[in-house]
Amino acid sequence: MKGQGGQGGQGKLETDSSTSELRSSTSELRSSTSELDSSTSELRSSTSELRSSTSELRSSTSELHSSTSELRSSTSELHSSTSELHSSTSELRSSTSKTYAQYLMYANYY
């Protein structure tokens, strides 16, 4: 019967050892779960920052498109005004040339 008592003690040691291993594994699992929760929280924060940055980028891109459109319109108006200026300059040269020719005719007449 001593052998059985010894086996009973051996079984208690094995149970205590298994319980200790289970507690250690549970502690490691809790630690890993905590790390996972922390990483998940950081990922959510980074995702939120990325969404915010993407929204700001879209807004800036929209403003850039609007400014580009206004610049094209202003450039078109500038080309039109420049064309009118060239036309007026050409008319002024023609008028000046006619006036000068009339002056020469008048000067030669007298």
PDB file of N, CA and C in Angstrom:
ATOM      1  N   MET A   1       0.804  -1.185   0.000  1.00  0.00           N
ATOM      2  CA  MET A   1       0.000   0.000   0.000  1.00  0.00           C
ATOM      3  C   MET A   1       0.850   1.253   0.000  1.00  0.00           C
ATOM      4  N   LYS A   2       2.068   1.106   0.443  1.00  0.00           N
ATOM      5  CA  LYS A   2       2.920   2.265   0.406  1.00  0.00           C
ATOM      6  C   LYS A   2       3.134   2.709  -1.033  1.00  0.00           C
ATOM      7  N   GLY A   3       3.186   1.745  -1.932  1.00  0.00           N
ATOM      8  CA  GLY A   3       3.374   2.080  -3.339  1.00  0.00           C
ATOM      9  C   GLY A   3       2.226   2.923  -3.848  1.00  0.00           C
ATOM     10  N   GLN A   4       1.035   2.584  -3.413  1.00  0.00           N
ATOM     11  CA  GLN A   4      -0.109   3.364  -3.864  1.00  0.00           C
ATOM     12  C   GLN A   4      -0.076   4.770  -3.284  1.00  0.00           C
ATOM     13  N   GLY A   5       0.350   4.849  -2.016  1.00  0.00           N
ATOM     14  CA  GLY A   5       0.472   6.162  -1.399  1.00  0.00           C
ATOM     15  C   GLY A   5       1.505   6.993  -2.132  1.00  0.00           C
ATOM     16  N   GLY A   6       2.576   6.334  -2.528  1.00  0.00           N
ATOM     17  CA  GLY A   6       3.609   7.036  -3.284  1.00  0.00           C
ATOM     18  C   GLY A   6       3.085   7.498  -4.617  1.00  0.00           C
ATOM     19  N   GLN A   7       2.284   6.649  -5.243  1.00  0.00           N
ATOM     20  CA  GLN A   7       1.706   7.038  -6.529  1.00  0.00           C
ATOM     21  C   GLN A   7       0.715   8.181  -6.350  1.00  0.00           C
ATOM     22  N   GLY A   8       0.013   8.170  -5.230  1.00  0.00           N
ATOM     23  CA  GLY A   8      -0.919   9.249  -4.939  1.00  0.00           C
ATOM     24  C   GLY A   8      -0.183  10.556  -4.768  1.00  0.00           C
ATOM     25  N   GLY A   9       0.946  10.507  -4.094  1.00  0.00           N
ATOM     26  CA  GLY A   9       1.764  11.708  -3.933  1.00  0.00           C
ATOM     27  C   GLY A   9       2.321  12.164  -5.261  1.00  0.00           C
ATOM     28  N   GLN A  10       2.702  11.178  -6.077  1.00  0.00           N
ATOM     29  CA  GLN A  10       3.226  11.489  -7.414  1.00  0.00           C
ATOM     30  C   GLN A  10       2.137  12.161  -8.250  1.00  0.00           C
ATOM     31  N   GLY A  11       0.900  11.678  -8.151  1.00  0.00           N
ATOM     32  CA  GLY A  11      -0.222  12.265  -8.889  1.00  0.00           C
ATOM     33  C   GLY A  11      -0.493  13.683  -8.445  1.00  0.00           C
ATOM     34  N   LYS A  12      -0.363  13.946  -7.139  1.00  0.00           N
ATOM     35  CA  LYS A  12      -0.569  15.304  -6.633  1.00  0.00           C
ATOM     36  C   LYS A  12       0.518  16.241  -7.166  1.00  0.00           C
ATOM     37  N   LEU A  13       1.771  15.746  -7.216  1.00  0.00           N
ATOM     38  CA  LEU A  13       2.871  16.556  -7.761  1.00  0.00           C
ATOM     39  C   LEU A  13       2.630  16.884  -9.233  1.00  0.00           C
ATOM     40  N   GLU A  14       2.175  15.866  -9.969  1.00  0.00           N
ATOM     41  CA  GLU A  14       1.885  16.087 -11.400  1.00  0.00           C
ATOM     42  C   GLU A  14       0.737  17.076 -11.569  1.00  0.00           C
ATOM     43  N   THR A  15      -0.292  16.965 -10.724  1.00  0.00           N
ATOM     44  CA  THR A  15      -1.421  17.889 -10.790  1.00  0.00           C
ATOM     45  C   THR A  15      -0.970  19.304 -10.449  1.00  0.00           C
ATOM     46  N   ASP A  16      -0.144  19.431  -9.381  1.00  0.00           N
ATOM     47  CA  ASP A  16       0.377  20.753  -9.008  1.00  0.00           C
ATOM     48  C   ASP A  16       1.225  21.336 -10.136  1.00  0.00           C
ATOM     49  N   SER A  17       2.042  20.481 -10.768  1.00  0.00           N
ATOM     50  CA  SER A  17       2.900  20.929 -11.874  1.00  0.00           C
ATOM     51  C   SER A  17       2.047  21.358 -13.069  1.00  0.00           C
ATOM     52  N   SER A  18       1.017  20.580 -13.376  1.00  0.00           N
ATOM     53  CA  SER A  18       0.126  20.914 -14.496  1.00  0.00           C
ATOM     54  C   SER A  18      -0.635  22.206 -14.210  1.00  0.00           C
ATOM     55  N   THR A  19      -1.061  22.370 -12.958  1.00  0.00           N
ATOM     56  CA  THR A  19      -1.769  23.595 -12.572  1.00  0.00           C
ATOM     57  C   THR A  19      -0.847  24.802 -12.709  1.00  0.00           C
ATOM     58  N   SER A  20       0.407  24.635 -12.292  1.00  0.00           N
ATOM     59  CA  SER A  20       1.383  25.715 -12.407  1.00  0.00           C
ATOM     60  C   SER A  20       1.625  26.075 -13.872  1.00  0.00           C
ATOM     61  N   GLU A  21       1.760  25.053 -14.722  1.00  0.00           N
ATOM     62  CA  GLU A  21       1.953  25.291 -16.164  1.00  0.00           C
ATOM     63  C   GLU A  21       0.733  25.988 -16.760  1.00  0.00           C
ATOM     64  N   LEU A  22      -0.462  25.556 -16.331  1.00  0.00           N
ATOM     65  CA  LEU A  22      -1.700  26.164 -16.823  1.00  0.00           C
ATOM     66  C   LEU A  22      -1.764  27.631 -16.409  1.00  0.00           C
ATOM     67  N   ARG A  23      -1.395  27.916 -15.148  1.00  0.00           N
ATOM     68  CA  ARG A  23      -1.389  29.303 -14.680  1.00  0.00           C
ATOM     69  C   ARG A  23      -0.380  30.132 -15.476  1.00  0.00           C
ATOM     70  N   SER A  24       0.808  29.556 -15.725  1.00  0.00           N
ATOM     71  CA  SER A  24       1.841  30.257 -16.494  1.00  0.00           C
ATOM     72  C   SER A  24       1.353  30.524 -17.925  1.00  0.00           C
ATOM     73  N   SER A  25       0.732  29.512 -18.543  1.00  0.00           N
ATOM     74  CA  SER A  25       0.217  29.668 -19.908  1.00  0.00           C
ATOM     75  C   SER A  25      -0.898  30.705 -19.943  1.00  0.00           C
ATOM     76  N   THR A  26      -1.764  30.696 -18.901  1.00  0.00           N
ATOM     77  CA  THR A  26      -2.857  31.664 -18.819  1.00  0.00           C
ATOM     78  C   THR A  26      -2.297  33.081 -18.681  1.00  0.00           C
ATOM     79  N   SER A  27      -1.241  33.221 -17.873  1.00  0.00           N
ATOM     80  CA  SER A  27      -0.606  34.522 -17.700  1.00  0.00           C
ATOM     81  C   SER A  27       0.001  35.011 -19.019  1.00  0.00           C
ATOM     82  N   GLU A  28       0.679  34.093 -19.739  1.00  0.00           N
ATOM     83  CA  GLU A  28       1.259  34.452 -21.046  1.00  0.00           C
ATOM     84  C   GLU A  28       0.159  34.833 -22.030  1.00  0.00           C
ATOM     85  N   LEU A  29      -0.954  34.101 -21.995  1.00  0.00           N
ATOM     86  CA  LEU A  29      -2.078  34.402 -22.891  1.00  0.00           C
ATOM     87  C   LEU A  29      -2.658  35.778 -22.578  1.00  0.00           C
ATOM     88  N   ARG A  30      -2.801  36.089 -21.264  1.00  0.00           N
ATOM     89  CA  ARG A  30      -3.300  37.409 -20.883  1.00  0.00           C
ATOM     90  C   ARG A  30      -2.345  38.503 -21.354  1.00  0.00           C
ATOM     91  N   SER A  31      -1.048  38.266 -21.200  1.00  0.00           N
ATOM     92  CA  SER A  31      -0.050  39.242 -21.638  1.00  0.00           C
ATOM     93  C   SER A  31      -0.121  39.435 -23.156  1.00  0.00           C
ATOM     94  N   SER A  32      -0.219  38.309 -23.888  1.00  0.00           N
ATOM     95  CA  SER A  32      -0.321  38.391 -25.357  1.00  0.00           C
ATOM     96  C   SER A  32      -1.596  39.098 -25.774  1.00  0.00           C
ATOM     97  N   THR A  33      -2.691  38.819 -25.074  1.00  0.00           N
ATOM     98  CA  THR A  33      -3.969  39.470 -25.372  1.00  0.00           C
ATOM     99  C   THR A  33      -3.868  40.975 -25.118  1.00  0.00           C
ATOM    100  N   SER A  34      -3.195  41.344 -24.016  1.00  0.00           N
ATOM    101  CA  SER A  34      -3.008  42.760 -23.702  1.00  0.00           C
ATOM    102  C   SER A  34      -2.181  43.446 -24.784  1.00  0.00           C
ATOM    103  N   GLU A  35      -1.110  42.774 -25.238  1.00  0.00           N
ATOM    104  CA  GLU A  35      -0.284  43.329 -26.316  1.00  0.00           C
ATOM    105  C   GLU A  35      -1.100  43.469 -27.606  1.00  0.00           C
ATOM    106  N   LEU A  36      -1.933  42.467 -27.888  1.00  0.00           N
ATOM    107  CA  LEU A  36      -2.780  42.515 -29.083  1.00  0.00           C
ATOM    108  C   LEU A  36      -3.774  43.670 -28.987  1.00  0.00           C
ATOM    109  N   ASP A  37      -4.371  43.852 -27.794  1.00  0.00           N
ATOM    110  CA  ASP A  37      -5.300  44.972 -27.601  1.00  0.00           C
ATOM    111  C   ASP A  37      -4.593  46.308 -27.814  1.00  0.00           C
ATOM    112  N   SER A  38      -3.368  46.411 -27.289  1.00  0.00           N
ATOM    113  CA  SER A  38      -2.587  47.634 -27.453  1.00  0.00           C
ATOM    114  C   SER A  38      -2.269  47.876 -28.933  1.00  0.00           C
ATOM    115  N   SER A  39      -1.845  46.827 -29.630  1.00  0.00           N
ATOM    116  CA  SER A  39      -1.532  46.956 -31.060  1.00  0.00           C
ATOM    117  C   SER A  39      -2.778  47.314 -31.860  1.00  0.00           C
ATOM    118  N   THR A  40      -3.911  46.715 -31.493  1.00  0.00           N
ATOM    119  CA  THR A  40      -5.175  47.018 -32.172  1.00  0.00           C
ATOM    120  C   THR A  40      -5.553  48.481 -31.962  1.00  0.00           C
ATOM    121  N   SER A  41      -5.352  48.971 -30.735  1.00  0.00           N
ATOM    122  CA  SER A  41      -5.646  50.376 -30.432  1.00  0.00           C
ATOM    123  C   SER A  41      -4.751  51.301 -31.250  1.00  0.00           C
ATOM    124  N   GLU A  42      -3.454  50.973 -31.338  1.00  0.00           N
ATOM    125  CA  GLU A  42      -2.525  51.783 -32.137  1.00  0.00           C
ATOM    126  C   GLU A  42      -2.923  51.756 -33.610  1.00  0.00           C
ATOM    127  N   LEU A  43      -3.343  50.594 -34.080  1.00  0.00           N
ATOM    128  CA  LEU A  43      -3.763  50.464 -35.478  1.00  0.00           C
ATOM    129  C   LEU A  43      -5.002  51.317 -35.750  1.00  0.00           C
ATOM    130  N   ARG A  44      -5.957  51.303 -34.803  1.00  0.00           N
ATOM    131  CA  ARG A  44      -7.156  52.134 -34.970  1.00  0.00           C
ATOM    132  C   ARG A  44      -6.788  53.613 -34.998  1.00  0.00           C
ATOM    133  N   SER A  45      -5.872  54.004 -34.108  1.00  0.00           N
ATOM    134  CA  SER A  45      -5.436  55.402 -34.061  1.00  0.00           C
ATOM    135  C   SER A  45      -4.749  55.793 -35.373  1.00  0.00           C
ATOM    136  N   SER A  46      -3.858  54.917 -35.851  1.00  0.00           N
ATOM    137  CA  SER A  46      -3.158  55.199 -37.111  1.00  0.00           C
ATOM    138  C   SER A  46      -4.129  55.256 -38.279  1.00  0.00           C
ATOM    139  N   THR A  47      -5.120  54.374 -38.269  1.00  0.00           N
ATOM    140  CA  THR A  47      -6.134  54.367 -39.332  1.00  0.00           C
ATOM    141  C   THR A  47      -6.933  55.661 -39.310  1.00  0.00           C
ATOM    142  N   SER A  48      -7.267  56.127 -38.104  1.00  0.00           N
ATOM    143  CA  SER A  48      -8.000  57.389 -37.971  1.00  0.00           C
ATOM    144  C   SER A  48      -7.167  58.558 -38.488  1.00  0.00           C
ATOM    145  N   GLU A  49      -5.878  58.573 -38.129  1.00  0.00           N
ATOM    146  CA  GLU A  49      -4.990  59.639 -38.620  1.00  0.00           C
ATOM    147  C   GLU A  49      -4.867  59.581 -40.141  1.00  0.00           C
ATOM    148  N   LEU A  50      -4.788  58.378 -40.689  1.00  0.00           N
ATOM    149  CA  LEU A  50      -4.692  58.215 -42.140  1.00  0.00           C
ATOM    150  C   LEU A  50      -5.955  58.733 -42.825  1.00  0.00           C
ATOM    151  N   ARG A  51      -7.117  58.425 -42.242  1.00  0.00           N
ATOM    152  CA  ARG A  51      -8.378  58.924 -42.820  1.00  0.00           C
ATOM    153  C   ARG A  51      -8.412  60.447 -42.789  1.00  0.00           C
ATOM    154  N   SER A  52      -7.966  61.016 -41.675  1.00  0.00           N
ATOM    155  CA  SER A  52      -7.944  62.475 -41.548  1.00  0.00           C
ATOM    156  C   SER A  52      -6.997  63.092 -42.581  1.00  0.00           C
ATOM    157  N   SER A  53      -5.814  62.503 -42.710  1.00  0.00           N
ATOM    158  CA  SER A  53      -4.841  63.006 -43.693  1.00  0.00           C
ATOM    159  C   SER A  53      -5.381  62.869 -45.111  1.00  0.00           C
ATOM    160  N   THR A  54      -6.054  61.765 -45.390  1.00  0.00           N
ATOM    161  CA  THR A  54      -6.632  61.548 -46.718  1.00  0.00           C
ATOM    162  C   THR A  54      -7.701  62.596 -47.003  1.00  0.00           C
ATOM    163  N   SER A  55      -8.510  62.916 -45.993  1.00  0.00           N
ATOM    164  CA  SER A  55      -9.546  63.935 -46.151  1.00  0.00           C
ATOM    165  C   SER A  55      -8.922  65.303 -46.425  1.00  0.00           C
ATOM    166  N   GLU A  56      -7.862  65.628 -45.676  1.00  0.00           N
ATOM    167  CA  GLU A  56      -7.168  66.904 -45.892  1.00  0.00           C
ATOM    168  C   GLU A  56      -6.557  66.944 -47.294  1.00  0.00           C
ATOM    169  N   LEU A  57      -6.004  65.823 -47.731  1.00  0.00           N
ATOM    170  CA  LEU A  57      -5.418  65.757 -49.071  1.00  0.00           C
ATOM    171  C   LEU A  57      -6.477  65.968 -50.144  1.00  0.00           C
ATOM    172  N   ARG A  58      -7.646  65.343 -49.954  1.00  0.00           N
ATOM    173  CA  ARG A  58      -8.738  65.535 -50.925  1.00  0.00           C
ATOM    174  C   ARG A  58      -9.162  66.997 -50.973  1.00  0.00           C
ATOM    175  N   SER A  59      -9.264  67.615 -49.796  1.00  0.00           N
ATOM    176  CA  SER A  59      -9.654  69.026 -49.729  1.00  0.00           C
ATOM    177  C   SER A  59      -8.617  69.904 -50.432  1.00  0.00           C
ATOM    178  N   SER A  60      -7.345  69.642 -50.144  1.00  0.00           N
ATOM    179  CA  SER A  60      -6.275  70.422 -50.784  1.00  0.00           C
ATOM    180  C   SER A  60      -6.267  70.214 -52.294  1.00  0.00           C
ATOM    181  N   THR A  61      -6.508  68.987 -52.723  1.00  0.00           N
ATOM    182  CA  THR A  61      -6.550  68.683 -54.155  1.00  0.00           C
ATOM    183  C   THR A  61      -7.701  69.422 -54.820  1.00  0.00           C
ATOM    184  N   SER A  62      -8.848  69.469 -54.138  1.00  0.00           N
ATOM    185  CA  SER A  62     -10.003  70.194 -54.663  1.00  0.00           C
ATOM    186  C   SER A  62      -9.695  71.688 -54.793  1.00  0.00           C
ATOM    187  N   GLU A  63      -9.061  72.247 -53.756  1.00  0.00           N
ATOM    188  CA  GLU A  63      -8.679  73.661 -53.810  1.00  0.00           C
ATOM    189  C   GLU A  63      -7.684  73.907 -54.943  1.00  0.00           C
ATOM    190  N   LEU A  64      -6.761  72.972 -55.129  1.00  0.00           N
ATOM    191  CA  LEU A  64      -5.785  73.103 -56.215  1.00  0.00           C
ATOM    192  C   LEU A  64      -6.476  73.087 -57.574  1.00  0.00           C
ATOM    193  N   HIS A  65      -7.451  72.197 -57.749  1.00  0.00           N
ATOM    194  CA  HIS A  65      -8.195  72.149 -59.014  1.00  0.00           C
ATOM    195  C   HIS A  65      -8.938  73.463 -59.249  1.00  0.00           C
ATOM    196  N   SER A  66      -9.537  73.984 -58.179  1.00  0.00           N
ATOM    197  CA  SER A  66     -10.265  75.247 -58.292  1.00  0.00           C
ATOM    198  C   SER A  66      -9.314  76.390 -58.661  1.00  0.00           C
ATOM    199  N   SER A  67      -8.167  76.441 -57.986  1.00  0.00           N
ATOM    200  CA  SER A  67      -7.182  77.492 -58.290  1.00  0.00           C
ATOM    201  C   SER A  67      -6.646  77.349 -59.711  1.00  0.00           C
ATOM    202  N   THR A  68      -6.442  76.125 -60.147  1.00  0.00           N
ATOM    203  CA  THR A  68      -5.958  75.881 -61.509  1.00  0.00           C
ATOM    204  C   THR A  68      -6.988  76.356 -62.528  1.00  0.00           C
ATOM    205  N   SER A  69      -8.257  76.097 -62.236  1.00  0.00           N
ATOM    206  CA  SER A  69      -9.331  76.544 -63.129  1.00  0.00           C
ATOM    207  C   SER A  69      -9.373  78.070 -63.203  1.00  0.00           C
ATOM    208  N   GLU A  70      -9.249  78.714 -62.034  1.00  0.00           N
ATOM    209  CA  GLU A  70      -9.234  80.184 -62.012  1.00  0.00           C
ATOM    210  C   GLU A  70      -8.022  80.725 -62.764  1.00  0.00           C
ATOM    211  N   LEU A  71      -6.889  80.070 -62.614  1.00  0.00           N
ATOM    212  CA  LEU A  71      -5.687  80.495 -63.323  1.00  0.00           C
ATOM    213  C   LEU A  71      -5.876  80.369 -64.834  1.00  0.00           C
ATOM    214  N   ARG A  72      -6.487  79.273 -65.269  1.00  0.00           N
ATOM    215  CA  ARG A  72      -6.741  79.100 -66.711  1.00  0.00           C
ATOM    216  C   ARG A  72      -7.661  80.201 -67.222  1.00  0.00           C
ATOM    217  N   SER A  73      -8.701  80.521 -66.446  1.00  0.00           N
ATOM    218  CA  SER A  73      -9.637  81.580 -66.843  1.00  0.00           C
ATOM    219  C   SER A  73      -8.919  82.928 -66.936  1.00  0.00           C
ATOM    220  N   SER A  74      -8.094  83.220 -65.919  1.00  0.00           N
ATOM    221  CA  SER A  74      -7.344  84.487 -65.928  1.00  0.00           C
ATOM    222  C   SER A  74      -6.358  84.537 -67.085  1.00  0.00           C
ATOM    223  N   THR A  75      -5.723  83.413 -67.368  1.00  0.00           N
ATOM    224  CA  THR A  75      -4.776  83.345 -68.484  1.00  0.00           C
ATOM    225  C   THR A  75      -5.498  83.585 -69.806  1.00  0.00           C
ATOM    226  N   SER A  76      -6.698  83.011 -69.934  1.00  0.00           N
ATOM    227  CA  SER A  76      -7.493  83.208 -71.144  1.00  0.00           C
ATOM    228  C   SER A  76      -7.865  84.684 -71.308  1.00  0.00           C
ATOM    229  N   GLU A  77      -8.277  85.316 -70.199  1.00  0.00           N
ATOM    230  CA  GLU A  77      -8.610  86.742 -70.245  1.00  0.00           C
ATOM    231  C   GLU A  77      -7.375  87.576 -70.595  1.00  0.00           C
ATOM    232  N   LEU A  78      -6.226  87.191 -70.068  1.00  0.00           N
ATOM    233  CA  LEU A  78      -4.986  87.900 -70.374  1.00  0.00           C
ATOM    234  C   LEU A  78      -4.645  87.785 -71.857  1.00  0.00           C
ATOM    235  N   HIS A  79      -4.813  86.582 -72.413  1.00  0.00           N
ATOM    236  CA  HIS A  79      -4.561  86.393 -73.856  1.00  0.00           C
ATOM    237  C   HIS A  79      -5.502  87.265 -74.683  1.00  0.00           C
ATOM    238  N   SER A  80      -6.770  87.309 -74.261  1.00  0.00           N
ATOM    239  CA  SER A  80      -7.757  88.117 -74.974  1.00  0.00           C
ATOM    240  C   SER A  80      -7.384  89.605 -74.908  1.00  0.00           C
ATOM    241  N   SER A  81      -7.015  90.069 -73.698  1.00  0.00           N
ATOM    242  CA  SER A  81      -6.625  91.481 -73.533  1.00  0.00           C
ATOM    243  C   SER A  81      -5.362  91.787 -74.330  1.00  0.00           C
ATOM    244  N   THR A  82      -4.420  90.842 -74.341  1.00  0.00           N
ATOM    245  CA  THR A  82      -3.185  91.036 -75.105  1.00  0.00           C
ATOM    246  C   THR A  82      -3.483  91.126 -76.592  1.00  0.00           C
ATOM    247  N   SER A  83      -4.408  90.294 -77.052  1.00  0.00           N
ATOM    248  CA  SER A  83      -4.806  90.325 -78.464  1.00  0.00           C
ATOM    249  C   SER A  83      -5.438  91.675 -78.808  1.00  0.00           C
ATOM    250  N   GLU A  84      -6.314  92.174 -77.916  1.00  0.00           N
ATOM    251  CA  GLU A  84      -6.933  93.479 -78.136  1.00  0.00           C
ATOM    252  C   GLU A  84      -5.883  94.593 -78.138  1.00  0.00           C
ATOM    253  N   LEU A  85      -4.900  94.477 -77.250  1.00  0.00           N
ATOM    254  CA  LEU A  85      -3.833  95.464 -77.188  1.00  0.00           C
ATOM    255  C   LEU A  85      -3.024  95.470 -78.485  1.00  0.00           C
ATOM    256  N   HIS A  86      -2.715  94.276 -79.003  1.00  0.00           N
ATOM    257  CA  HIS A  86      -1.989  94.190 -80.281  1.00  0.00           C
ATOM    258  C   HIS A  86      -2.802  94.828 -81.407  1.00  0.00           C
ATOM    259  N   SER A  87      -4.112  94.548 -81.399  1.00  0.00           N
ATOM    260  CA  SER A  87      -4.984  95.118 -82.422  1.00  0.00           C
ATOM    261  C   SER A  87      -5.003  96.645 -82.317  1.00  0.00           C
ATOM    262  N   SER A  88      -5.143  97.164 -81.094  1.00  0.00           N
ATOM    263  CA  SER A  88      -5.158  98.625 -80.896  1.00  0.00           C
ATOM    264  C   SER A  88      -3.819  99.238 -81.274  1.00  0.00           C
ATOM    265  N   THR A  89      -2.736  98.564 -80.949  1.00  0.00           N
ATOM    266  CA  THR A  89      -1.401  99.055 -81.302  1.00  0.00           C
ATOM    267  C   THR A  89      -1.243  99.114 -82.811  1.00  0.00           C
ATOM    268  N   SER A  90      -1.750  98.077 -83.482  1.00  0.00           N
ATOM    269  CA  SER A  90      -1.679  98.042 -84.945  1.00  0.00           C
ATOM    270  C   SER A  90      -2.484  99.194 -85.548  1.00  0.00           C
ATOM    271  N   GLU A  91      -3.684  99.440 -84.997  1.00  0.00           N
ATOM    272  CA  GLU A  91      -4.505 100.546 -85.480  1.00  0.00           C
ATOM    273  C   GLU A  91      -3.821 101.891 -85.215  1.00  0.00           C
ATOM    274  N   LEU A  92      -3.190 102.024 -84.065  1.00  0.00           N
ATOM    275  CA  LEU A  92      -2.494 103.256 -83.722  1.00  0.00           C
ATOM    276  C   LEU A  92      -1.329 103.491 -84.681  1.00  0.00           C
ATOM    277  N   ARG A  93      -0.576 102.436 -85.002  1.00  0.00           N
ATOM    278  CA  ARG A  93       0.533 102.571 -85.948  1.00  0.00           C
ATOM    279  C   ARG A  93       0.018 103.003 -87.316  1.00  0.00           C
ATOM    280  N   SER A  94      -1.084 102.374 -87.738  1.00  0.00           N
ATOM    281  CA  SER A  94      -1.656 102.718 -89.037  1.00  0.00           C
ATOM    282  C   SER A  94      -2.113 104.171 -89.049  1.00  0.00           C
ATOM    283  N   SER A  95      -2.781 104.584 -87.992  1.00  0.00           N
ATOM    284  CA  SER A  95      -3.251 105.962 -87.899  1.00  0.00           C
ATOM    285  C   SER A  95      -2.081 106.942 -87.857  1.00  0.00           C
ATOM    286  N   THR A  96      -1.051 106.585 -87.080  1.00  0.00           N
ATOM    287  CA  THR A  96       0.138 107.449 -86.996  1.00  0.00           C
ATOM    288  C   THR A  96       0.805 107.564 -88.357  1.00  0.00           C
ATOM    289  N   SER A  97       0.882 106.464 -89.064  1.00  0.00           N
ATOM    290  CA  SER A  97       1.503 106.456 -90.385  1.00  0.00           C
ATOM    291  C   SER A  97       0.719 107.339 -91.353  1.00  0.00           C
ATOM    292  N   LYS A  98      -0.616 107.258 -91.296  1.00  0.00           N
ATOM    293  CA  LYS A  98      -1.455 108.097 -92.169  1.00  0.00           C
ATOM    294  C   LYS A  98      -1.286 109.576 -91.804  1.00  0.00           C
ATOM    295  N   THR A  99      -1.288 109.865 -90.518  1.00  0.00           N
ATOM    296  CA  THR A  99      -1.133 111.249 -90.071  1.00  0.00           C
ATOM    297  C   THR A  99       0.218 111.803 -90.507  1.00  0.00           C
ATOM    298  N   TYR A 100       1.267 110.999 -90.380  1.00  0.00           N
ATOM    299  CA  TYR A 100       2.601 111.432 -90.778  1.00  0.00           C
ATOM    300  C   TYR A 100       2.655 111.660 -92.293  1.00  0.00           C
ATOM    301  N   ALA A 101       2.003 110.790 -93.048  1.00  0.00           N
ATOM    302  CA  ALA A 101       1.970 110.957 -94.506  1.00  0.00           C
ATOM    303  C   ALA A 101       1.236 112.249 -94.866  1.00  0.00           C
ATOM    304  N   GLN A 102       0.132 112.525 -94.177  1.00  0.00           N
ATOM    305  CA  GLN A 102      -0.604 113.763 -94.424  1.00  0.00           C
ATOM    306  C   GLN A 102       0.254 114.978 -94.048  1.00  0.00           C
ATOM    307  N   TYR A 103       0.990 114.876 -92.968  1.00  0.00           N
ATOM    308  CA  TYR A 103       1.870 115.969 -92.565  1.00  0.00           C
ATOM    309  C   TYR A 103       2.921 116.236 -93.629  1.00  0.00           C
ATOM    310  N   LEU A 104       3.512 115.153 -94.171  1.00  0.00           N
ATOM    311  CA  LEU A 104       4.538 115.320 -95.212  1.00  0.00           C
ATOM    312  C   LEU A 104       3.929 115.956 -96.460  1.00  0.00           C
ATOM    313  N   MET A 105       2.715 115.524 -96.802  1.00  0.00           N
ATOM    314  CA  MET A 105       2.056 116.109 -97.959  1.00  0.00           C
ATOM    315  C   MET A 105       1.795 117.603 -97.719  1.00  0.00           C
ATOM    316  N   TYR A 106       1.319 117.918 -96.553  1.00  0.00           N
ATOM    317  CA  TYR A 106       1.025 119.311 -96.194  1.00  0.00           C
ATOM    318  C   TYR A 106       2.305 120.138 -96.172  1.00  0.00           C
ATOM    319  N   ALA A 107       3.354 119.574 -95.613  1.00  0.00           N
ATOM    320  CA  ALA A 107       4.626 120.298 -95.542  1.00  0.00           C
ATOM    321  C   ALA A 107       5.192 120.523 -96.932  1.00  0.00           C
ATOM    322  N   ASN A 108       5.057 119.556 -97.819  1.00  0.00           N
ATOM    323  CA  ASN A 108       5.559 119.706 -99.190  1.00  0.00           C
ATOM    324  C   ASN A 108       4.678 120.660-100.007  1.00  0.00           C
ATOM    325  N   TYR A 109       3.403 120.752 -99.668  1.00  0.00           N
ATOM    326  CA  TYR A 109       2.504 121.640-100.381  1.00  0.00           C
ATOM    327  C   TYR A 109       2.858 123.077-100.132  1.00  0.00           C
ATOM    328  N   TYR A 110       3.273 123.383 -98.909  1.00  0.00           N
ATOM    329  CA  TYR A 110       3.601 124.758 -98.561  1.00  0.00           C
ATOM    330  C   TYR A 110       5.065 124.887 -98.629  1.00  0.00           C
TER     331      TYR A 110
END
